[in-house]
């Protein structure tokens, strides 16, 4: 299981390895900037070098990152990742997982659009197929979140930090009656209508009675 910082550090190494291979592996300074960048990130964070180094040590113990060779003539360490190899993932699976790790829960449509920079998905169907494969693993690597009120599309989340904590959502959107409330309203309306009909019938009977010869 990974903590929030480890997820971000690992995902940034994976992302940069796929999108800017010419600058990969990354120095510690480059990795800190990658973690803290404001684009393609949710939430936006402000890690310092100490936090990133701590995450790297933990990830290295889990065999998810590597310390790469020293560049010729320099004393700068660089860092890479073993994410795909460790979990035996295809590139499209890596792209989907990386997006979920960088931006949190997303819909298949969002993953299709945002994942293009790491893998050229041919269609939304290919994204759905990838999601099915990842949920079907043992243990599963992603999970489907409960549908949000007022939203039609479901969202997926990664499971590298354990089971997601889902906040209790309102049973219905603000102002929208629940099924039971609608049933109660219909029953009340029906009762009121029957009462009015009874009054009308009594009035009609009274009118008829007044018109008969005495």
Protein backbone atom coordinates (compact mmCIF):
# COMPACT_ATOMS: atom_id res chain seq x y z
CA UNK A 1 0.00 0.00 0.00
CA UNK A 2 1.26 3.48 -0.89
CA UNK A 3 0.69 6.79 0.83
CA UNK A 4 -0.35 9.96 -0.99
CA UNK A 5 3.22 11.20 -1.53
CA UNK A 6 4.43 7.84 -2.81
CA UNK A 7 1.54 7.66 -5.28
CA UNK A 8 2.37 11.13 -6.64
CA UNK A 9 6.11 10.48 -6.89
CA UNK A 10 5.65 7.13 -8.65
CA UNK A 11 3.02 8.51 -11.03
CA UNK A 12 5.27 11.44 -11.98
CA UNK A 13 8.14 9.11 -12.80
CA UNK A 14 5.81 6.98 -14.92
CA UNK A 15 4.31 10.03 -16.66
CA UNK A 16 7.63 11.66 -17.52
CA UNK A 17 9.04 8.37 -18.75
CA UNK A 18 6.19 8.14 -21.27
CA UNK A 19 5.68 11.79 -22.26
CA UNK A 20 9.23 13.21 -22.16
CA UNK A 21 11.59 10.23 -22.48
CA UNK A 22 14.39 12.55 -23.54
CA UNK A 23 14.48 13.98 -19.99
CA UNK A 24 14.01 10.66 -18.21
CA UNK A 25 15.26 9.35 -15.73
CA UNK A 26 14.71 12.40 -13.49
CA UNK A 27 16.94 14.21 -11.07
CA UNK A 28 15.56 14.87 -7.60
CA UNK A 29 15.01 18.51 -8.47
CA UNK A 30 13.13 17.63 -11.66
CA UNK A 31 11.00 15.12 -9.78
CA UNK A 32 10.05 17.68 -7.12
CA UNK A 33 8.95 20.08 -9.86
CA UNK A 34 6.99 17.29 -11.56
CA UNK A 35 5.16 16.50 -8.33
CA UNK A 36 4.32 20.14 -7.68
CA UNK A 37 3.33 21.22 -11.20
CA UNK A 38 -0.14 22.73 -11.52
CA UNK A 39 -1.19 21.13 -14.81
CA UNK A 40 -2.47 17.53 -14.98
CA UNK A 41 -2.54 17.29 -11.18
CA UNK A 42 -5.31 16.97 -8.62
CA UNK A 43 -4.73 17.96 -5.94
CA UNK A 44 -1.91 20.45 -6.52
CA UNK A 45 0.77 19.89 -3.87
CA UNK A 46 3.93 21.61 -2.62
CA UNK A 47 6.38 18.86 -1.65
CA UNK A 48 9.95 19.68 -0.65
CA UNK A 49 13.00 17.56 -1.47
CA UNK A 50 12.92 15.81 1.91
CA UNK A 51 9.36 14.55 1.35
CA UNK A 52 10.16 13.31 -2.16
CA UNK A 53 13.38 11.62 -1.02
CA UNK A 54 11.49 9.83 1.76
CA UNK A 55 8.92 8.60 -0.75
CA UNK A 56 11.67 7.44 -3.10
CA UNK A 57 13.31 5.38 -0.36
CA UNK A 58 10.02 3.68 0.43
CA UNK A 59 9.24 3.05 -3.24
CA UNK A 60 12.71 1.62 -3.77
CA UNK A 61 12.15 -0.84 -0.91
CA UNK A 62 8.98 -1.92 -2.72
CA UNK A 63 11.00 -2.33 -5.94
CA UNK A 64 8.90 0.29 -7.74
CA UNK A 65 11.69 2.81 -8.36
CA UNK A 66 15.37 2.62 -9.14
CA UNK A 67 18.38 4.82 -8.51
CA UNK A 68 19.96 5.28 -11.89
CA UNK A 69 23.63 5.63 -12.81
CA UNK A 70 25.56 8.83 -12.24
CA UNK A 71 25.93 10.89 -15.41
CA UNK A 72 29.46 11.01 -16.75
CA UNK A 73 31.36 13.88 -15.17
CA UNK A 74 28.59 14.72 -12.66
CA UNK A 75 27.55 13.61 -9.19
CA UNK A 76 23.81 13.90 -9.83
CA UNK A 77 21.63 10.88 -9.12
CA UNK A 78 18.67 10.15 -11.35
CA UNK A 79 15.55 8.13 -10.65
CA UNK A 80 13.48 5.77 -12.76
CA UNK A 81 10.57 3.40 -12.17
CA UNK A 82 9.77 -0.30 -12.45
CA UNK A 83 5.99 0.20 -12.40
CA UNK A 84 5.06 -1.65 -15.61
CA UNK A 85 7.55 -4.46 -15.00
CA UNK A 86 6.60 -4.98 -11.36
CA UNK A 87 2.89 -5.35 -12.12
CA UNK A 88 3.24 -6.76 -15.66
CA UNK A 89 1.22 -3.95 -17.23
CA UNK A 90 0.66 -3.02 -20.86
CA UNK A 91 1.27 0.57 -21.92
CA UNK A 92 -2.44 1.35 -22.10
CA UNK A 93 -2.93 -0.05 -18.59
CA UNK A 94 -0.03 2.09 -17.38
CA UNK A 95 -1.59 5.19 -19.00
CA UNK A 96 -4.96 4.65 -17.29
CA UNK A 97 -3.44 3.93 -13.89
CA UNK A 98 -1.06 6.86 -14.14
CA UNK A 99 -3.91 9.28 -14.88
CA UNK A 100 -5.90 7.97 -11.92
CA UNK A 101 -2.84 8.36 -9.69
CA UNK A 102 -2.17 11.91 -10.89
CA UNK A 103 -5.71 13.29 -10.93
CA UNK A 104 -7.84 11.06 -8.74
CA UNK A 105 -11.17 9.46 -9.67
CA UNK A 106 -12.25 9.97 -13.30
CA UNK A 107 -14.83 8.85 -15.82
CA UNK A 108 -13.92 6.69 -18.84
CA UNK A 109 -14.40 9.73 -21.07
CA UNK A 110 -11.97 11.80 -19.02
CA UNK A 111 -9.42 8.99 -19.06
CA UNK A 112 -9.81 8.69 -22.84
CA UNK A 113 -9.08 12.38 -23.36
CA UNK A 114 -6.37 12.84 -20.75
CA UNK A 115 -4.61 9.53 -21.32
CA UNK A 116 -3.92 10.30 -25.00
CA UNK A 117 -0.61 11.94 -24.11
CA UNK A 118 0.67 8.63 -22.75
CA UNK A 119 -1.11 6.15 -25.01
CA UNK A 120 -3.06 6.72 -28.25
CA UNK A 121 -6.39 5.11 -27.35
CA UNK A 122 -8.24 4.26 -30.54
CA UNK A 123 -11.66 4.64 -28.96
CA UNK A 124 -13.59 4.92 -25.72
CA UNK A 125 -14.21 1.19 -26.08
CA UNK A 126 -10.48 0.54 -25.71
CA UNK A 127 -10.48 2.54 -22.49
CA UNK A 128 -13.44 0.51 -21.21
CA UNK A 129 -11.67 -2.71 -22.11
CA UNK A 130 -8.59 -1.55 -20.17
CA UNK A 131 -10.71 -0.64 -17.16
CA UNK A 132 -12.35 -4.06 -17.25
CA UNK A 133 -8.95 -5.77 -17.34
CA UNK A 134 -7.69 -3.75 -14.37
CA UNK A 135 -10.79 -4.37 -12.26
CA UNK A 136 -10.58 -8.06 -13.11
CA UNK A 137 -7.06 -8.54 -11.82
CA UNK A 138 -6.34 -10.50 -8.64
CA UNK A 139 -6.22 -8.39 -6.58
CA UNK A 140 -8.01 -5.64 -8.56
CA UNK A 141 -6.00 -2.49 -9.29
CA UNK A 142 -8.93 -0.13 -9.74
CA UNK A 143 -12.49 0.10 -8.43
CA UNK A 144 -15.78 1.66 -9.51
CA UNK A 145 -17.04 4.43 -7.23
CA UNK A 146 -20.72 4.87 -6.34
CA UNK A 147 -22.50 7.09 -8.83
CA UNK A 148 -22.67 10.73 -7.71
CA UNK A 149 -26.09 12.41 -7.37
CA UNK A 150 -26.98 14.22 -10.58
CA UNK A 151 -24.25 12.52 -12.64
CA UNK A 152 -24.83 9.82 -15.23
CA UNK A 153 -21.26 8.61 -15.72
CA UNK A 154 -19.49 6.37 -13.25
CA UNK A 155 -15.96 7.10 -12.03
CA UNK A 156 -13.01 4.82 -11.41
CA UNK A 157 -10.24 5.09 -8.82
CA UNK A 158 -6.92 3.28 -8.28
CA UNK A 159 -6.42 0.99 -5.29
CA UNK A 160 -2.72 1.52 -4.57
CA UNK A 161 -3.65 3.34 -1.35
CA UNK A 162 -6.23 0.76 -0.30
CA UNK A 163 -9.99 0.86 -0.55
CA UNK A 164 -11.30 4.36 -1.31
CA UNK A 165 -13.05 6.29 1.44
CA UNK A 166 -16.39 7.33 -0.03
CA UNK A 167 -18.19 10.16 1.70
CA UNK A 168 -21.85 9.56 2.34
CA UNK A 169 -23.70 11.25 -0.49
CA UNK A 170 -27.18 12.66 -0.35
CA UNK A 171 -29.79 10.15 -1.44
CA UNK A 172 -30.99 12.62 -4.04
CA UNK A 173 -29.94 15.89 -5.59
CA UNK A 174 -30.92 19.05 -3.66
CA UNK A 175 -34.59 19.77 -4.13
CA UNK A 176 -35.36 16.45 -5.83
CA UNK A 177 -37.93 14.31 -3.98
CA UNK A 178 -37.10 10.74 -3.07
CA UNK A 179 -39.19 7.83 -4.35
CA UNK A 180 -40.97 7.51 -1.01
CA UNK A 181 -41.71 11.24 -0.96
CA UNK A 182 -43.22 11.00 -4.44
CA UNK A 183 -45.39 8.03 -3.36
CA UNK A 184 -46.55 9.90 -0.25
CA UNK A 185 -47.42 12.94 -2.36
CA UNK A 186 -49.45 10.83 -4.80
CA UNK A 187 -51.33 9.13 -1.97
CA UNK A 188 -52.09 12.48 -0.37
CA UNK A 189 -53.26 13.90 -3.70
CA UNK A 190 -55.49 10.85 -4.26
CA UNK A 191 -57.03 11.17 -0.80
CA UNK A 192 -57.74 14.85 -1.36
CA UNK A 193 -59.37 14.09 -4.73
CA UNK A 194 -61.58 11.38 -3.20
CA UNK A 195 -62.64 13.78 -0.46
CA UNK A 196 -63.58 16.44 -3.01
CA UNK A 197 -65.58 13.87 -5.03
CA UNK A 198 -67.50 12.87 -1.92
CA UNK A 199 -68.39 16.53 -1.24
CA UNK A 200 -69.53 17.00 -4.84
CA UNK A 201 -71.66 13.85 -4.70
CA UNK A 202 -73.34 15.09 -1.51
CA UNK A 203 -74.03 18.48 -3.10
CA UNK A 204 -75.50 16.82 -6.21
CA UNK A 205 -77.71 14.57 -4.06
CA UNK A 206 -78.85 17.59 -2.05
CA UNK A 207 -79.72 19.46 -5.24
CA UNK A 208 -81.68 16.50 -6.55
CA UNK A 209 -83.50 16.16 -3.26
CA UNK A 210 -84.50 19.85 -3.26
CA UNK A 211 -85.94 19.58 -6.77
CA UNK A 212 -88.39 16.73 -6.03
CA UNK A 213 -92.06 17.64 -5.34
CA UNK A 214 -92.98 17.61 -1.71
